[in-house]
Each structure stands twice: as C-alpha cells, then as structure tokens.
C-alpha cells in the first residue's frame, strides 16, 4: 500500500491445482486500486475468469472467489 492505493500484490491459490497457482491477472487487477470489496471482487473474478467447472465441482469456482475476497479483506485490514 502506498497513499491508500495498492502498489503491489501477490496472490497464489493452493488446493485448486496440482501445485500452488499464481494468479497474475488478479495481481494486475489489484495494482493501482483502492483496497476494498469492489477491488477484491474484481481480482477474484479475474483470477478465475477461465475456470471451468465440471458436473460435481462447479461450486468450487464460487467458493474460491469468496475465499480470495475474504483473504484480501483480511490482509487489507493490516495497517
């Protein structure tokens, strides 16, 4: 954070692939944004933009988006 703006961001997801997966597009979405639910939701959607669910796991896409927003909100609260 710099002057109330996200200056750099790193986001990786574990448990969604065979190894931790870095969400580079989501990181780029966050940089230059003001911290808050709007920015976090946009980043989460970007991180999972190309995700395709199958018959019994499609719910995981929404779940992952919610986890991303929650994690970013938690980290964003740190002074």
PDB file of N, CA and C in Angstrom:
ATOM      1  N   UNK A   1       0.838  -1.171   0.000  1.00  0.00           N
ATOM      2  CA  UNK A   1       0.000   0.000   0.000  1.00  0.00           C
ATOM      3  C   UNK A   1       0.886   1.238   0.000  1.00  0.00           C
ATOM      4  N   UNK A   2       0.439   2.196  -0.769  1.00  0.00           N
ATOM      5  CA  UNK A   2       1.134   3.474  -0.784  1.00  0.00           C
ATOM      6  C   UNK A   2       0.090   4.563  -1.003  1.00  0.00           C
ATOM      7  N   UNK A   3      -0.047   5.451  -0.046  1.00  0.00           N
ATOM      8  CA  UNK A   3      -1.017   6.541  -0.111  1.00  0.00           C
ATOM      9  C   UNK A   3      -2.444   6.031  -0.335  1.00  0.00           C
ATOM     10  N   UNK A   4      -2.795   4.927   0.307  1.00  0.00           N
ATOM     11  CA  UNK A   4      -4.142   4.383   0.209  1.00  0.00           C
ATOM     12  C   UNK A   4      -4.447   3.634  -1.074  1.00  0.00           C
ATOM     13  N   UNK A   5      -3.423   3.350  -1.855  1.00  0.00           N
ATOM     14  CA  UNK A   5      -3.571   2.634  -3.122  1.00  0.00           C
ATOM     15  C   UNK A   5      -2.714   1.368  -3.058  1.00  0.00           C
ATOM     16  N   UNK A   6      -3.209   0.300  -3.633  1.00  0.00           N
ATOM     17  CA  UNK A   6      -2.436  -0.950  -3.679  1.00  0.00           C
ATOM     18  C   UNK A   6      -1.312  -0.761  -4.689  1.00  0.00           C
ATOM     19  N   UNK A   7      -0.077  -0.830  -4.220  1.00  0.00           N
ATOM     20  CA  UNK A   7       1.070  -0.591  -5.102  1.00  0.00           C
ATOM     21  C   UNK A   7       1.661  -1.883  -5.649  1.00  0.00           C
ATOM     22  N   UNK A   8       1.484  -2.947  -4.926  1.00  0.00           N
ATOM     23  CA  UNK A   8       1.964  -4.242  -5.395  1.00  0.00           C
ATOM     24  C   UNK A   8       1.108  -5.325  -4.750  1.00  0.00           C
ATOM     25  N   UNK A   9       0.972  -6.431  -5.449  1.00  0.00           N
ATOM     26  CA  UNK A   9       0.144  -7.524  -4.927  1.00  0.00           C
ATOM     27  C   UNK A   9       0.692  -8.856  -5.411  1.00  0.00           C
ATOM     28  N   UNK A  10       0.596  -9.836  -4.555  1.00  0.00           N
ATOM     29  CA  UNK A  10       0.960 -11.212  -4.896  1.00  0.00           C
ATOM     30  C   UNK A  10      -0.178 -12.093  -4.414  1.00  0.00           C
ATOM     31  N   UNK A  11      -0.671 -12.944  -5.295  1.00  0.00           N
ATOM     32  CA  UNK A  11      -1.789 -13.815  -4.954  1.00  0.00           C
ATOM     33  C   UNK A  11      -1.546 -15.192  -5.548  1.00  0.00           C
ATOM     34  N   UNK A  12      -1.591 -16.193  -4.709  1.00  0.00           N
ATOM     35  CA  UNK A  12      -1.456 -17.577  -5.165  1.00  0.00           C
ATOM     36  C   UNK A  12      -2.539 -18.408  -4.493  1.00  0.00           C
ATOM     37  N   UNK A  13      -3.027 -19.384  -5.222  1.00  0.00           N
ATOM     38  CA  UNK A  13      -4.073 -20.266  -4.721  1.00  0.00           C
ATOM     39  C   UNK A  13      -3.497 -21.660  -4.533  1.00  0.00           C
ATOM     40  N   UNK A  14      -3.764 -22.238  -3.383  1.00  0.00           N
ATOM     41  CA  UNK A  14      -3.375 -23.625  -3.136  1.00  0.00           C
ATOM     42  C   UNK A  14      -4.626 -24.489  -3.154  1.00  0.00           C
ATOM     43  N   UNK A  15      -4.488 -25.722  -3.502  1.00  0.00           N
ATOM     44  CA  UNK A  15      -5.624 -26.634  -3.467  1.00  0.00           C
ATOM     45  C   UNK A  15      -6.551 -26.527  -4.664  1.00  0.00           C
ATOM     46  N   UNK A  16      -6.195 -25.743  -5.667  1.00  0.00           N
ATOM     47  CA  UNK A  16      -7.031 -25.650  -6.861  1.00  0.00           C
ATOM     48  C   UNK A  16      -6.378 -26.292  -8.073  1.00  0.00           C
ATOM     49  N   UNK A  17      -5.146 -26.711  -7.910  1.00  0.00           N
ATOM     50  CA  UNK A  17      -4.402 -27.369  -8.985  1.00  0.00           C
ATOM     51  C   UNK A  17      -3.407 -28.329  -8.339  1.00  0.00           C
ATOM     52  N   UNK A  18      -2.583 -28.932  -9.154  1.00  0.00           N
ATOM     53  CA  UNK A  18      -1.623 -29.896  -8.622  1.00  0.00           C
ATOM     54  C   UNK A  18      -0.495 -29.233  -7.844  1.00  0.00           C
ATOM     55  N   UNK A  19      -0.351 -27.927  -8.002  1.00  0.00           N
ATOM     56  CA  UNK A  19       0.630 -27.158  -7.235  1.00  0.00           C
ATOM     57  C   UNK A  19       0.059 -25.765  -7.039  1.00  0.00           C
ATOM     58  N   UNK A  20       0.601 -24.993  -6.098  1.00  0.00           N
ATOM     59  CA  UNK A  20       0.085 -23.628  -5.915  1.00  0.00           C
ATOM     60  C   UNK A  20       0.099 -22.875  -7.246  1.00  0.00           C
ATOM     61  N   UNK A  21      -0.956 -22.114  -7.456  1.00  0.00           N
ATOM     62  CA  UNK A  21      -1.176 -21.454  -8.720  1.00  0.00           C
ATOM     63  C   UNK A  21      -1.188 -19.952  -8.507  1.00  0.00           C
ATOM     64  N   UNK A  22      -0.261 -19.268  -9.141  1.00  0.00           N
ATOM     65  CA  UNK A  22      -0.151 -17.816  -9.004  1.00  0.00           C
ATOM     66  C   UNK A  22      -1.180 -17.150  -9.907  1.00  0.00           C
ATOM     67  N   UNK A  23      -1.928 -16.227  -9.371  1.00  0.00           N
ATOM     68  CA  UNK A  23      -2.986 -15.534 -10.100  1.00  0.00           C
ATOM     69  C   UNK A  23      -2.472 -14.176 -10.577  1.00  0.00           C
ATOM     70  N   UNK A  24      -1.689 -14.193 -11.623  1.00  0.00           N
ATOM     71  CA  UNK A  24      -1.042 -12.978 -12.119  1.00  0.00           C
ATOM     72  C   UNK A  24      -2.041 -11.933 -12.594  1.00  0.00           C
ATOM     73  N   UNK A  25      -3.085 -12.351 -13.292  1.00  0.00           N
ATOM     74  CA  UNK A  25      -4.085 -11.396 -13.782  1.00  0.00           C
ATOM     75  C   UNK A  25      -4.796 -10.709 -12.611  1.00  0.00           C
ATOM     76  N   UNK A  26      -5.045 -11.449 -11.561  1.00  0.00           N
ATOM     77  CA  UNK A  26      -5.678 -10.871 -10.374  1.00  0.00           C
ATOM     78  C   UNK A  26      -4.745  -9.851  -9.716  1.00  0.00           C
ATOM     79  N   UNK A  27      -3.468 -10.163  -9.667  1.00  0.00           N
ATOM     80  CA  UNK A  27      -2.495  -9.235  -9.102  1.00  0.00           C
ATOM     81  C   UNK A  27      -2.507  -7.919  -9.875  1.00  0.00           C
ATOM     82  N   UNK A  28      -2.533  -8.009 -11.194  1.00  0.00           N
ATOM     83  CA  UNK A  28      -2.546  -6.811 -12.030  1.00  0.00           C
ATOM     84  C   UNK A  28      -3.822  -6.003 -11.822  1.00  0.00           C
ATOM     85  N   UNK A  29      -4.930  -6.687 -11.580  1.00  0.00           N
ATOM     86  CA  UNK A  29      -6.193  -6.012 -11.316  1.00  0.00           C
ATOM     87  C   UNK A  29      -6.130  -5.211 -10.020  1.00  0.00           C
ATOM     88  N   UNK A  30      -5.423  -5.730  -9.047  1.00  0.00           N
ATOM     89  CA  UNK A  30      -5.333  -5.058  -7.746  1.00  0.00           C
ATOM     90  C   UNK A  30      -4.430  -3.834  -7.764  1.00  0.00           C
ATOM     91  N   UNK A  31      -3.343  -3.902  -8.519  1.00  0.00           N
ATOM     92  CA  UNK A  31      -2.373  -2.800  -8.521  1.00  0.00           C
ATOM     93  C   UNK A  31      -3.027  -1.530  -9.064  1.00  0.00           C
ATOM     94  N   UNK A  32      -2.935  -0.477  -8.282  1.00  0.00           N
ATOM     95  CA  UNK A  32      -3.498   0.811  -8.656  1.00  0.00           C
ATOM     96  C   UNK A  32      -4.916   1.025  -8.132  1.00  0.00           C
ATOM     97  N   UNK A  33      -5.483  -0.003  -7.519  1.00  0.00           N
ATOM     98  CA  UNK A  33      -6.850   0.099  -6.994  1.00  0.00           C
ATOM     99  C   UNK A  33      -6.828   0.504  -5.525  1.00  0.00           C
ATOM    100  N   UNK A  34      -7.927   1.065  -5.087  1.00  0.00           N
ATOM    101  CA  UNK A  34      -8.107   1.327  -3.665  1.00  0.00           C
ATOM    102  C   UNK A  34      -8.563   0.023  -3.017  1.00  0.00           C
ATOM    103  N   UNK A  35      -8.025  -0.301  -1.850  1.00  0.00           N
ATOM    104  CA  UNK A  35      -8.439  -1.529  -1.184  1.00  0.00           C
ATOM    105  C   UNK A  35      -9.919  -1.469  -0.819  1.00  0.00           C
ATOM    106  N   UNK A  36     -10.581  -2.587  -0.994  1.00  0.00           N
ATOM    107  CA  UNK A  36     -11.996  -2.677  -0.656  1.00  0.00           C
ATOM    108  C   UNK A  36     -12.658  -3.815  -1.398  1.00  0.00           C
ATOM    109  N   UNK A  37     -13.881  -4.079  -1.031  1.00  0.00           N
ATOM    110  CA  UNK A  37     -14.588  -5.239  -1.585  1.00  0.00           C
ATOM    111  C   UNK A  37     -14.715  -5.174  -3.106  1.00  0.00           C
ATOM    112  N   UNK A  38     -14.895  -3.991  -3.661  1.00  0.00           N
ATOM    113  CA  UNK A  38     -15.027  -3.865  -5.114  1.00  0.00           C
ATOM    114  C   UNK A  38     -13.760  -4.343  -5.816  1.00  0.00           C
ATOM    115  N   UNK A  39     -12.616  -3.876  -5.357  1.00  0.00           N
ATOM    116  CA  UNK A  39     -11.340  -4.281  -5.957  1.00  0.00           C
ATOM    117  C   UNK A  39     -11.073  -5.758  -5.724  1.00  0.00           C
ATOM    118  N   UNK A  40     -11.376  -6.242  -4.537  1.00  0.00           N
ATOM    119  CA  UNK A  40     -11.124  -7.642  -4.207  1.00  0.00           C
ATOM    120  C   UNK A  40     -12.010  -8.572  -5.033  1.00  0.00           C
ATOM    121  N   UNK A  41     -13.265  -8.182  -5.227  1.00  0.00           N
ATOM    122  CA  UNK A  41     -14.174  -8.991  -6.032  1.00  0.00           C
ATOM    123  C   UNK A  41     -13.734  -9.017  -7.491  1.00  0.00           C
ATOM    124  N   UNK A  42     -13.298  -7.884  -8.003  1.00  0.00           N
ATOM    125  CA  UNK A  42     -12.800  -7.824  -9.382  1.00  0.00           C
ATOM    126  C   UNK A  42     -11.579  -8.718  -9.551  1.00  0.00           C
ATOM    127  N   UNK A  43     -10.694  -8.691  -8.579  1.00  0.00           N
ATOM    128  CA  UNK A  43      -9.496  -9.535  -8.639  1.00  0.00           C
ATOM    129  C   UNK A  43      -9.864 -11.015  -8.583  1.00  0.00           C
ATOM    130  N   UNK A  44     -10.815 -11.360  -7.726  1.00  0.00           N
ATOM    131  CA  UNK A  44     -11.243 -12.758  -7.606  1.00  0.00           C
ATOM    132  C   UNK A  44     -11.868 -13.248  -8.906  1.00  0.00           C
ATOM    133  N   UNK A  45     -12.690 -12.422  -9.509  1.00  0.00           N
ATOM    134  CA  UNK A  45     -13.300 -12.808 -10.793  1.00  0.00           C
ATOM    135  C   UNK A  45     -12.237 -12.976 -11.872  1.00  0.00           C
ATOM    136  N   UNK A  46     -11.265 -12.083 -11.868  1.00  0.00           N
ATOM    137  CA  UNK A  46     -10.186 -12.163 -12.851  1.00  0.00           C
ATOM    138  C   UNK A  46      -9.350 -13.427 -12.626  1.00  0.00           C
ATOM    139  N   UNK A  47      -9.095 -13.748 -11.374  1.00  0.00           N
ATOM    140  CA  UNK A  47      -8.283 -14.936 -11.066  1.00  0.00           C
ATOM    141  C   UNK A  47      -8.919 -16.203 -11.600  1.00  0.00           C
ATOM    142  N   UNK A  48     -10.240 -16.244 -11.610  1.00  0.00           N
ATOM    143  CA  UNK A  48     -10.950 -17.468 -12.005  1.00  0.00           C
ATOM    144  C   UNK A  48     -11.726 -17.305 -13.307  1.00  0.00           C
ATOM    145  N   UNK A  49     -11.386 -16.290 -14.061  1.00  0.00           N
ATOM    146  CA  UNK A  49     -12.079 -15.996 -15.322  1.00  0.00           C
ATOM    147  C   UNK A  49     -12.131 -17.193 -16.258  1.00  0.00           C
ATOM    148  N   UNK A  50     -11.065 -17.917 -16.379  1.00  0.00           N
ATOM    149  CA  UNK A  50     -11.011 -19.046 -17.313  1.00  0.00           C
ATOM    150  C   UNK A  50     -11.339 -20.388 -16.669  1.00  0.00           C
ATOM    151  N   UNK A  51     -11.711 -20.376 -15.407  1.00  0.00           N
ATOM    152  CA  UNK A  51     -12.030 -21.637 -14.718  1.00  0.00           C
ATOM    153  C   UNK A  51     -13.301 -22.243 -15.301  1.00  0.00           C
ATOM    154  N   UNK A  52     -13.280 -23.533 -15.477  1.00  0.00           N
ATOM    155  CA  UNK A  52     -14.438 -24.260 -15.987  1.00  0.00           C
ATOM    156  C   UNK A  52     -14.740 -25.399 -15.033  1.00  0.00           C
ATOM    157  N   UNK A  53     -15.904 -25.366 -14.462  1.00  0.00           N
ATOM    158  CA  UNK A  53     -16.304 -26.420 -13.536  1.00  0.00           C
ATOM    159  C   UNK A  53     -16.813 -27.647 -14.274  1.00  0.00           C
ATOM    160  N   UNK A  54     -16.811 -28.726 -13.579  1.00  0.00           N
ATOM    161  CA  UNK A  54     -17.381 -29.975 -14.086  1.00  0.00           C
ATOM    162  C   UNK A  54     -18.662 -30.247 -13.309  1.00  0.00           C
ATOM    163  N   UNK A  55     -19.288 -31.332 -13.608  1.00  0.00           N
ATOM    164  CA  UNK A  55     -20.590 -31.645 -13.034  1.00  0.00           C
ATOM    165  C   UNK A  55     -20.624 -31.552 -11.515  1.00  0.00           C
ATOM    166  N   UNK A  56     -19.619 -32.089 -10.859  1.00  0.00           N
ATOM    167  CA  UNK A  56     -19.661 -32.159  -9.399  1.00  0.00           C
ATOM    168  C   UNK A  56     -18.691 -31.204  -8.698  1.00  0.00           C
ATOM    169  N   UNK A  57     -18.038 -30.311  -9.436  1.00  0.00           N
ATOM    170  CA  UNK A  57     -17.118 -29.390  -8.765  1.00  0.00           C
ATOM    171  C   UNK A  57     -17.298 -27.930  -9.165  1.00  0.00           C
ATOM    172  N   UNK A  58     -18.319 -27.618  -9.912  1.00  0.00           N
ATOM    173  CA  UNK A  58     -18.528 -26.243 -10.372  1.00  0.00           C
ATOM    174  C   UNK A  58     -18.679 -25.265  -9.206  1.00  0.00           C
ATOM    175  N   UNK A  59     -19.197 -25.749  -8.085  1.00  0.00           N
ATOM    176  CA  UNK A  59     -19.375 -24.891  -6.907  1.00  0.00           C
ATOM    177  C   UNK A  59     -18.047 -24.351  -6.389  1.00  0.00           C
ATOM    178  N   UNK A  60     -16.960 -25.019  -6.713  1.00  0.00           N
ATOM    179  CA  UNK A  60     -15.656 -24.609  -6.207  1.00  0.00           C
ATOM    180  C   UNK A  60     -15.190 -23.278  -6.797  1.00  0.00           C
ATOM    181  N   UNK A  61     -15.691 -22.923  -7.954  1.00  0.00           N
ATOM    182  CA  UNK A  61     -15.304 -21.644  -8.559  1.00  0.00           C
ATOM    183  C   UNK A  61     -15.820 -20.488  -7.700  1.00  0.00           C
ATOM    184  N   UNK A  62     -17.085 -20.525  -7.365  1.00  0.00           N
ATOM    185  CA  UNK A  62     -17.665 -19.501  -6.487  1.00  0.00           C
ATOM    186  C   UNK A  62     -17.007 -19.534  -5.114  1.00  0.00           C
ATOM    187  N   UNK A  63     -16.755 -20.709  -4.603  1.00  0.00           N
ATOM    188  CA  UNK A  63     -16.100 -20.854  -3.303  1.00  0.00           C
ATOM    189  C   UNK A  63     -14.715 -20.204  -3.331  1.00  0.00           C
ATOM    190  N   UNK A  64     -13.943 -20.477  -4.369  1.00  0.00           N
ATOM    191  CA  UNK A  64     -12.604 -19.897  -4.485  1.00  0.00           C
ATOM    192  C   UNK A  64     -12.671 -18.381  -4.573  1.00  0.00           C
ATOM    193  N   UNK A  65     -13.655 -17.857  -5.298  1.00  0.00           N
ATOM    194  CA  UNK A  65     -13.796 -16.400  -5.390  1.00  0.00           C
ATOM    195  C   UNK A  65     -14.069 -15.802  -4.019  1.00  0.00           C
ATOM    196  N   UNK A  66     -14.927 -16.436  -3.265  1.00  0.00           N
ATOM    197  CA  UNK A  66     -15.234 -15.938  -1.922  1.00  0.00           C
ATOM    198  C   UNK A  66     -14.019 -16.000  -1.006  1.00  0.00           C
ATOM    199  N   UNK A  67     -13.238 -17.058  -1.135  1.00  0.00           N
ATOM    200  CA  UNK A  67     -12.027 -17.206  -0.318  1.00  0.00           C
ATOM    201  C   UNK A  67     -11.025 -16.095  -0.661  1.00  0.00           C
ATOM    202  N   UNK A  68     -10.887 -15.796  -1.934  1.00  0.00           N
ATOM    203  CA  UNK A  68      -9.970 -14.735  -2.353  1.00  0.00           C
ATOM    204  C   UNK A  68     -10.399 -13.395  -1.765  1.00  0.00           C
ATOM    205  N   UNK A  69     -11.673 -13.066  -1.890  1.00  0.00           N
ATOM    206  CA  UNK A  69     -12.172 -11.802  -1.362  1.00  0.00           C
ATOM    207  C   UNK A  69     -11.934 -11.736   0.151  1.00  0.00           C
ATOM    208  N   UNK A  70     -12.231 -12.812   0.847  1.00  0.00           N
ATOM    209  CA  UNK A  70     -12.055 -12.843   2.311  1.00  0.00           C
ATOM    210  C   UNK A  70     -10.579 -12.683   2.681  1.00  0.00           C
ATOM    211  N   UNK A  71      -9.702 -13.389   1.983  1.00  0.00           N
ATOM    212  CA  UNK A  71      -8.270 -13.302   2.282  1.00  0.00           C
ATOM    213  C   UNK A  71      -7.743 -11.897   2.033  1.00  0.00           C
ATOM    214  N   UNK A  72      -8.137 -11.297   0.920  1.00  0.00           N
ATOM    215  CA  UNK A  72      -7.680  -9.946   0.610  1.00  0.00           C
ATOM    216  C   UNK A  72      -8.230  -8.940   1.624  1.00  0.00           C
ATOM    217  N   UNK A  73      -9.473  -9.122   2.030  1.00  0.00           N
ATOM    218  CA  UNK A  73     -10.050  -8.225   3.040  1.00  0.00           C
ATOM    219  C   UNK A  73      -9.299  -8.353   4.363  1.00  0.00           C
ATOM    220  N   UNK A  74      -8.930  -9.564   4.706  1.00  0.00           N
ATOM    221  CA  UNK A  74      -8.202  -9.788   5.954  1.00  0.00           C
ATOM    222  C   UNK A  74      -6.821  -9.132   5.892  1.00  0.00           C
ATOM    223  N   UNK A  75      -6.120  -9.318   4.802  1.00  0.00           N
ATOM    224  CA  UNK A  75      -4.794  -8.725   4.646  1.00  0.00           C
ATOM    225  C   UNK A  75      -4.897  -7.205   4.520  1.00  0.00           C
ATOM    226  N   UNK A  76      -5.937  -6.733   3.861  1.00  0.00           N
ATOM    227  CA  UNK A  76      -6.124  -5.295   3.676  1.00  0.00           C
ATOM    228  C   UNK A  76      -6.399  -4.551   4.955  1.00  0.00           C
ATOM    229  N   UNK A  77      -6.818  -5.263   6.000  1.00  0.00           N
ATOM    230  CA  UNK A  77      -7.098  -4.638   7.293  1.00  0.00           C
ATOM    231  C   UNK A  77      -5.832  -4.365   8.095  1.00  0.00           C
ATOM    232  N   UNK A  78      -4.743  -4.989   7.710  1.00  0.00           N
ATOM    233  CA  UNK A  78      -3.483  -4.826   8.433  1.00  0.00           C
ATOM    234  C   UNK A  78      -2.926  -3.437   8.145  1.00  0.00           C
ATOM    235  N   UNK A  79      -2.614  -2.646   9.193  1.00  0.00           N
ATOM    236  CA  UNK A  79      -2.099  -1.283   8.961  1.00  0.00           C
ATOM    237  C   UNK A  79      -0.714  -1.278   8.341  1.00  0.00           C
TER     238      UNK A  79
END
